[in-house]
Amino acid sequence: MTCTDAQVRLMMRERSQGRTQQQASVKANCRSRKTVAKYERLGQLPSELEKPRRYRTRADPFSADWAKVEQMLQASPDLEAKSLFEWLCEERPGCYQEGQLRTLQRRVAEWRTLHQPQVANLEQVHRPGEVIQTDGTWLTELGVTIQGEPFKHLLIHSVLPYSNWEWGRIGQSESLAALRLGLQSTLVKLGYVPEYHQTDNSGAATYQINSAETGSGRAYNPGYLELLDHYGLKPRTIHVGCPQQNGDVEATNGGLKQALEQHLLLRGSRDFASLDDYEQFVAGVMTRRNERRQARLAEEMAVMRPLAVAPLPIYQEVRVKVNRASLIRVQNNTYSVPTNLIGQQITVRLSEWQLDIYYRQHLIETMPRLVGRNRQQLNYRHLIDSLLRKPGGFRNYRYRAAFFPAPVFQQAWERLNEWHAPRKADLIYLRILRLAARYLESEVAATLRWLLDSPDRWDETDVERLFHPQPLVVPDLAQPAINLARYDTLLREVVR
């Protein structure tokens, strides 16, 4: 019978106390006294008697091709076992079965261990209050929705490496606006300022330079340096392509994602009524995680500087001129604005989620901010009147797609093109679109869906007749007569 080291030790202890072999075997849960006699005779534990197996229990299915596989691994160490297995199956059809993939994966893993050196992670010594690390980590994989719509987003995540205290804010890109929002919110929440701020080489913090004198490299963005100077932080970045140098925040990213996933499961729903509700949920998870870090956080606070400055505005102001097409270009993206601003200089307050359009001190409009480059966001309500004055410009308009706010509108335009000449079809469609701009777009869309199912021809008058928008009726309110004598009566009662 095979015994464990613990059982043999128990047997020997019982024997040393005068127990018989039978009593010792019963005490150690062994079925025979012969087992006790065996280990008394050998004087060794079971683990000391084990000998490594130096023979194979079955034939190696890859023996004929392993030399080729080894040569390929030496030439290209990044090759995966699955790719090598697929190559072998193509080279020698019928020689290998799908179930042998795992065998090859073990052989390749063994070869890597014996022949392929790796870069070791060097554990760092963290000093309290020295640095705060910031990184953007995508949370779209959590499957969160806002009012039923998929929500693509990331978290600008900041961590103190010594205590692992963390905070962050939701963003839609790793932009300077998002970094400003995340870092400022973290410092305000913390109430203290460390010596350094460390981040990766994202476009929010650095930009590429190519100089004949200094060569290529990266330099800090002026806006990023302005943010750090305001709080008295010194910039520090990791080397390009070395995310492990931001190891603490990278590791905490994974832990936070796992915690968010678990709390979403406990919540029972991944849908939120608004972005604010979702941010409160994320903040609640981080707050609970920070509760276990208060002791080491206190050590950091003891050596950090108290936050003594007010936060900077979370937006960036840019001055642009509205062109003759009633368009503006902000950070390589195009937006439409009301036509009464054509030719005027306007101020755009650019934050992470939106653009606020100001003319002098007047807020004209707020619109979502585009992410990326060379994208367009045109509001047909801004330009519909101009197109009705020049309907001939619609068909070849560069941004015509923006004037189909829903698929049913494009289907209606295509149907009109089947019935009418191009100019007349465009004119009818633009008049229908003006109804959507003046009233409810959803109601006009519903009317178009009904008309598209009809075999009869229709135009904008039919849409207006079926839609039948009711004019707003403002009720006449009678102004009540005010008797000031009642106030005198009230004052006399108070005096008494």
Foldseek 3Di string as FASTA:
>chain_A
DDDAQVLLVQLVVCVVVPDDLVVSCVVSVHDDSVVNVVCVVVVDGPVVPDDDDDDDPDDDLCVVPVVVVVVVCVVPVPDALVVVVVVVCVVDPPSDDPVCSVVSNVVSVVCCVVPPDDDDDDDDDADFQAEKEWDKDWLLVLQFAAVPHRDTWIWGKIARLQLRQIDTDIFNDPALLRNLVGVVVVCVVLQFHGAAYEYECDPRFWDWDADPVPGIDIDGDPSNVVQCVQQNYHYDYDDPPCCCVSVSRVVVVVVLSVLLSVVCVVVVDRYDNDSVRVRVVSRVSSVVVCVVRVVSNVVNVVPTGGGDDDRDDSWDKDKFAQACQQWTADPQEIEHFANVRHGHIWIWTGHRFWIFIGDPNDTRDIDGDDPDHHYYDYDCLRCLVVCLVVVVCQVPPPPNVNLCVDPLLVVQLVVLVVVDPNSVSSNQSSLLSVVCSVDPVVLLSVLSVVVVPDPDDDTNVSSCVVSVDDDDDDDDDDDDDDDCVVVVVVVVVVVD
